[in-house]
N, C-alpha and C. Protein backbone atom coordinates (compact mmCIF):
# COMPACT_ATOMS: atom_id res chain seq x y z
N UNK A 1 13.62 14.03 -20.43
CA UNK A 1 13.18 12.65 -20.29
C UNK A 1 14.22 11.87 -19.50
N UNK A 2 13.79 11.17 -18.49
CA UNK A 2 14.69 10.38 -17.65
C UNK A 2 14.91 9.00 -18.26
N UNK A 3 16.13 8.50 -18.10
CA UNK A 3 16.44 7.13 -18.49
C UNK A 3 15.85 6.19 -17.43
N UNK A 4 15.62 4.92 -17.79
CA UNK A 4 15.03 3.97 -16.84
C UNK A 4 15.78 3.89 -15.51
N UNK A 5 17.11 3.89 -15.53
CA UNK A 5 17.87 3.80 -14.26
C UNK A 5 17.70 5.06 -13.42
N UNK A 6 17.66 6.22 -14.06
CA UNK A 6 17.44 7.47 -13.32
C UNK A 6 16.04 7.50 -12.70
N UNK A 7 15.07 7.03 -13.45
CA UNK A 7 13.70 6.95 -12.95
C UNK A 7 13.64 6.00 -11.75
N UNK A 8 14.34 4.88 -11.86
CA UNK A 8 14.38 3.91 -10.77
C UNK A 8 14.98 4.54 -9.51
N UNK A 9 16.07 5.27 -9.66
CA UNK A 9 16.71 5.90 -8.50
C UNK A 9 15.78 6.92 -7.84
N UNK A 10 15.05 7.69 -8.65
CA UNK A 10 14.12 8.67 -8.10
C UNK A 10 13.00 7.98 -7.32
N UNK A 11 12.47 6.91 -7.87
CA UNK A 11 11.41 6.16 -7.17
C UNK A 11 11.98 5.51 -5.91
N UNK A 12 13.21 5.00 -5.97
CA UNK A 12 13.85 4.42 -4.78
C UNK A 12 13.85 5.40 -3.62
N UNK A 13 14.18 6.65 -3.89
CA UNK A 13 14.21 7.65 -2.82
C UNK A 13 12.83 7.82 -2.20
N UNK A 14 11.79 7.87 -3.03
CA UNK A 14 10.42 8.02 -2.50
C UNK A 14 10.00 6.79 -1.70
N UNK A 15 10.29 5.61 -2.23
CA UNK A 15 9.90 4.38 -1.54
C UNK A 15 10.63 4.27 -0.20
N UNK A 16 11.92 4.54 -0.19
CA UNK A 16 12.68 4.46 1.08
C UNK A 16 12.17 5.45 2.12
N UNK A 17 11.86 6.66 1.68
CA UNK A 17 11.36 7.66 2.62
C UNK A 17 10.00 7.25 3.17
N UNK A 18 9.11 6.76 2.32
CA UNK A 18 7.79 6.31 2.78
C UNK A 18 7.93 5.13 3.74
N UNK A 19 8.82 4.18 3.42
CA UNK A 19 9.05 3.03 4.30
C UNK A 19 9.54 3.50 5.66
N UNK A 20 10.50 4.40 5.66
CA UNK A 20 11.06 4.91 6.91
C UNK A 20 9.99 5.62 7.74
N UNK A 21 9.17 6.42 7.10
CA UNK A 21 8.13 7.16 7.82
C UNK A 21 7.05 6.23 8.39
N UNK A 22 6.68 5.22 7.62
CA UNK A 22 5.55 4.37 8.02
C UNK A 22 5.96 3.17 8.86
N UNK A 23 7.15 2.63 8.60
CA UNK A 23 7.53 1.38 9.25
C UNK A 23 8.82 1.47 10.06
N UNK A 24 9.55 2.54 9.92
CA UNK A 24 10.79 2.69 10.68
C UNK A 24 11.85 1.74 10.21
N UNK A 25 12.67 1.32 11.13
CA UNK A 25 13.82 0.48 10.79
C UNK A 25 13.73 -0.91 11.41
N UNK A 26 12.53 -1.40 11.63
CA UNK A 26 12.36 -2.73 12.22
C UNK A 26 12.95 -3.82 11.34
N UNK A 27 13.32 -4.93 11.97
CA UNK A 27 13.96 -6.01 11.21
C UNK A 27 13.03 -7.19 10.96
N UNK A 28 11.73 -7.02 11.23
CA UNK A 28 10.81 -8.15 11.04
C UNK A 28 10.19 -8.17 9.65
N UNK A 29 10.40 -7.12 8.87
CA UNK A 29 9.88 -7.02 7.50
C UNK A 29 11.02 -6.71 6.55
N UNK A 30 10.95 -7.27 5.36
CA UNK A 30 11.93 -6.96 4.32
C UNK A 30 11.20 -6.49 3.08
N UNK A 31 11.69 -5.44 2.46
CA UNK A 31 11.08 -4.88 1.27
C UNK A 31 11.97 -5.16 0.07
N UNK A 32 11.37 -5.70 -0.99
CA UNK A 32 12.09 -6.01 -2.22
C UNK A 32 11.41 -5.34 -3.41
N UNK A 33 12.19 -4.79 -4.29
CA UNK A 33 11.69 -4.31 -5.58
C UNK A 33 11.76 -5.49 -6.54
N UNK A 34 10.70 -5.73 -7.28
CA UNK A 34 10.67 -6.86 -8.20
C UNK A 34 10.26 -6.37 -9.60
N UNK A 35 10.30 -7.25 -10.56
CA UNK A 35 9.94 -6.90 -11.92
C UNK A 35 10.93 -5.92 -12.53
N UNK A 36 10.45 -5.12 -13.45
CA UNK A 36 11.30 -4.14 -14.10
C UNK A 36 11.89 -3.16 -13.11
N UNK A 37 11.10 -2.76 -12.12
CA UNK A 37 11.61 -1.86 -11.09
C UNK A 37 12.78 -2.51 -10.35
N UNK A 38 12.65 -3.76 -9.99
CA UNK A 38 13.71 -4.48 -9.29
C UNK A 38 14.97 -4.63 -10.13
N UNK A 39 14.82 -4.68 -11.45
CA UNK A 39 15.97 -4.77 -12.34
C UNK A 39 16.58 -3.40 -12.64
N UNK A 40 15.96 -2.34 -12.12
CA UNK A 40 16.45 -1.00 -12.40
C UNK A 40 16.06 -0.51 -13.77
N UNK A 41 15.00 -1.09 -14.33
CA UNK A 41 14.55 -0.76 -15.68
C UNK A 41 13.13 -0.21 -15.63
N UNK A 42 12.96 0.90 -14.94
CA UNK A 42 11.64 1.47 -14.74
C UNK A 42 11.33 2.44 -15.89
N UNK A 43 10.43 2.03 -16.74
CA UNK A 43 10.03 2.83 -17.90
C UNK A 43 8.79 3.64 -17.55
N UNK A 44 8.50 4.70 -18.33
CA UNK A 44 7.29 5.49 -18.06
C UNK A 44 6.06 4.59 -18.05
N UNK A 45 5.17 4.86 -17.13
CA UNK A 45 3.90 4.15 -16.98
C UNK A 45 4.07 2.70 -16.48
N UNK A 46 5.26 2.32 -16.07
CA UNK A 46 5.48 1.00 -15.47
C UNK A 46 4.98 0.99 -14.04
N UNK A 47 4.50 -0.17 -13.61
CA UNK A 47 4.13 -0.34 -12.21
C UNK A 47 5.39 -0.38 -11.35
N UNK A 48 5.22 0.04 -10.10
CA UNK A 48 6.27 -0.07 -9.09
C UNK A 48 5.93 -1.36 -8.34
N UNK A 49 6.57 -2.45 -8.71
CA UNK A 49 6.26 -3.75 -8.12
C UNK A 49 7.10 -3.98 -6.88
N UNK A 50 6.42 -4.22 -5.75
CA UNK A 50 7.08 -4.40 -4.46
C UNK A 50 6.63 -5.70 -3.81
N UNK A 51 7.56 -6.33 -3.11
CA UNK A 51 7.28 -7.52 -2.31
C UNK A 51 7.73 -7.24 -0.89
N UNK A 52 6.82 -7.41 0.06
CA UNK A 52 7.17 -7.33 1.48
C UNK A 52 7.23 -8.77 1.97
N UNK A 53 8.36 -9.14 2.52
CA UNK A 53 8.58 -10.51 3.00
C UNK A 53 8.65 -10.49 4.52
N UNK A 54 7.78 -11.30 5.14
CA UNK A 54 7.74 -11.37 6.60
C UNK A 54 6.93 -12.59 7.01
N UNK A 55 7.18 -13.09 8.21
CA UNK A 55 6.35 -14.20 8.68
C UNK A 55 4.95 -13.66 8.97
N UNK A 56 4.00 -14.57 9.10
CA UNK A 56 2.60 -14.16 9.22
C UNK A 56 2.33 -13.31 10.46
N UNK A 57 3.04 -13.58 11.55
CA UNK A 57 2.86 -12.78 12.75
C UNK A 57 3.31 -11.34 12.55
N UNK A 58 4.44 -11.16 11.90
CA UNK A 58 4.93 -9.81 11.62
C UNK A 58 4.02 -9.10 10.63
N UNK A 59 3.47 -9.85 9.68
CA UNK A 59 2.52 -9.24 8.73
C UNK A 59 1.31 -8.68 9.47
N UNK A 60 0.77 -9.49 10.39
CA UNK A 60 -0.41 -9.06 11.14
C UNK A 60 -0.09 -7.84 12.01
N UNK A 61 1.05 -7.88 12.67
CA UNK A 61 1.44 -6.79 13.56
C UNK A 61 1.63 -5.48 12.80
N UNK A 62 2.12 -5.56 11.56
CA UNK A 62 2.44 -4.37 10.78
C UNK A 62 1.36 -4.01 9.76
N UNK A 63 0.21 -4.64 9.83
CA UNK A 63 -0.80 -4.45 8.77
C UNK A 63 -1.21 -2.99 8.60
N UNK A 64 -1.43 -2.27 9.68
CA UNK A 64 -1.82 -0.86 9.56
C UNK A 64 -0.69 -0.01 9.01
N UNK A 65 0.53 -0.28 9.45
CA UNK A 65 1.69 0.47 8.95
C UNK A 65 1.92 0.18 7.47
N UNK A 66 1.71 -1.07 7.06
CA UNK A 66 1.86 -1.41 5.64
C UNK A 66 0.79 -0.72 4.81
N UNK A 67 -0.43 -0.69 5.31
CA UNK A 67 -1.50 0.02 4.59
C UNK A 67 -1.15 1.49 4.42
N UNK A 68 -0.61 2.10 5.47
CA UNK A 68 -0.20 3.51 5.39
C UNK A 68 0.94 3.69 4.38
N UNK A 69 1.88 2.74 4.36
CA UNK A 69 3.00 2.80 3.41
C UNK A 69 2.50 2.78 1.97
N UNK A 70 1.65 1.81 1.65
CA UNK A 70 1.15 1.72 0.28
C UNK A 70 0.28 2.92 -0.07
N UNK A 71 -0.52 3.40 0.87
CA UNK A 71 -1.35 4.59 0.63
C UNK A 71 -0.48 5.81 0.36
N UNK A 72 0.61 5.94 1.09
CA UNK A 72 1.53 7.05 0.88
C UNK A 72 2.09 7.04 -0.54
N UNK A 73 2.47 5.85 -1.01
CA UNK A 73 3.00 5.74 -2.37
C UNK A 73 1.93 6.05 -3.41
N UNK A 74 0.73 5.52 -3.21
CA UNK A 74 -0.37 5.81 -4.14
C UNK A 74 -0.69 7.30 -4.15
N UNK A 75 -0.72 7.92 -2.94
CA UNK A 75 -1.01 9.35 -2.85
C UNK A 75 0.05 10.19 -3.54
N UNK A 76 1.28 9.67 -3.62
CA UNK A 76 2.37 10.36 -4.32
C UNK A 76 2.27 10.16 -5.84
N UNK A 77 1.28 9.38 -6.27
CA UNK A 77 1.08 9.17 -7.69
C UNK A 77 1.81 7.98 -8.29
N UNK A 78 2.39 7.13 -7.43
CA UNK A 78 3.11 5.96 -7.93
C UNK A 78 2.14 4.81 -8.17
N UNK A 79 2.21 4.18 -9.33
CA UNK A 79 1.34 3.04 -9.63
C UNK A 79 1.91 1.76 -9.01
N UNK A 80 1.59 1.53 -7.75
CA UNK A 80 2.21 0.45 -6.99
C UNK A 80 1.43 -0.86 -7.16
N UNK A 81 2.17 -1.91 -7.47
CA UNK A 81 1.66 -3.27 -7.39
C UNK A 81 2.42 -3.93 -6.25
N UNK A 82 1.73 -4.64 -5.38
CA UNK A 82 2.43 -5.16 -4.22
C UNK A 82 1.91 -6.53 -3.80
N UNK A 83 2.77 -7.22 -3.05
CA UNK A 83 2.41 -8.48 -2.41
C UNK A 83 3.07 -8.50 -1.05
N UNK A 84 2.38 -9.05 -0.07
CA UNK A 84 2.94 -9.25 1.27
C UNK A 84 2.88 -10.76 1.50
N UNK A 85 4.05 -11.37 1.62
CA UNK A 85 4.14 -12.83 1.67
C UNK A 85 5.17 -13.28 2.72
N UNK A 86 4.99 -14.53 3.15
CA UNK A 86 6.01 -15.19 3.98
C UNK A 86 6.93 -15.96 3.04
N UNK A 87 8.03 -16.45 3.57
CA UNK A 87 8.94 -17.26 2.76
C UNK A 87 8.21 -18.50 2.26
N UNK A 88 7.41 -19.11 3.12
CA UNK A 88 6.66 -20.30 2.73
C UNK A 88 5.69 -20.00 1.60
N UNK A 89 5.03 -18.84 1.66
CA UNK A 89 4.08 -18.46 0.62
C UNK A 89 4.78 -18.21 -0.71
N UNK A 90 6.05 -17.89 -0.66
CA UNK A 90 6.83 -17.67 -1.89
C UNK A 90 7.36 -18.99 -2.43
N UNK A 91 7.19 -20.07 -1.68
CA UNK A 91 7.66 -21.37 -2.13
C UNK A 91 9.16 -21.53 -2.06
N UNK A 92 9.79 -20.84 -1.09
CA UNK A 92 11.25 -20.86 -0.97
C UNK A 92 11.68 -21.55 0.32
N UNK A 93 10.82 -22.27 0.96
CA UNK A 93 11.13 -22.86 2.26
C UNK A 93 12.26 -23.84 2.24
């Protein structure tokens, strides 16, 4: 049985690899882990909560790559919850 931090590290590796394969190393999008996953407290059956932060133009440009990224994670069996937002949509302007 893995501890929550070990589980988080294992998921981190999968998420980073999927991001790299689908989106590369562009600087127009930022990926954040949020919730329990973001705190490094990933328990069994927990969602993998992700936030992609980008302006609306970058969101539109990367929409197909983002769809492929999330599909890759789902296909790997990860229960992903996600949001794609701009800074303004997060209320942090």
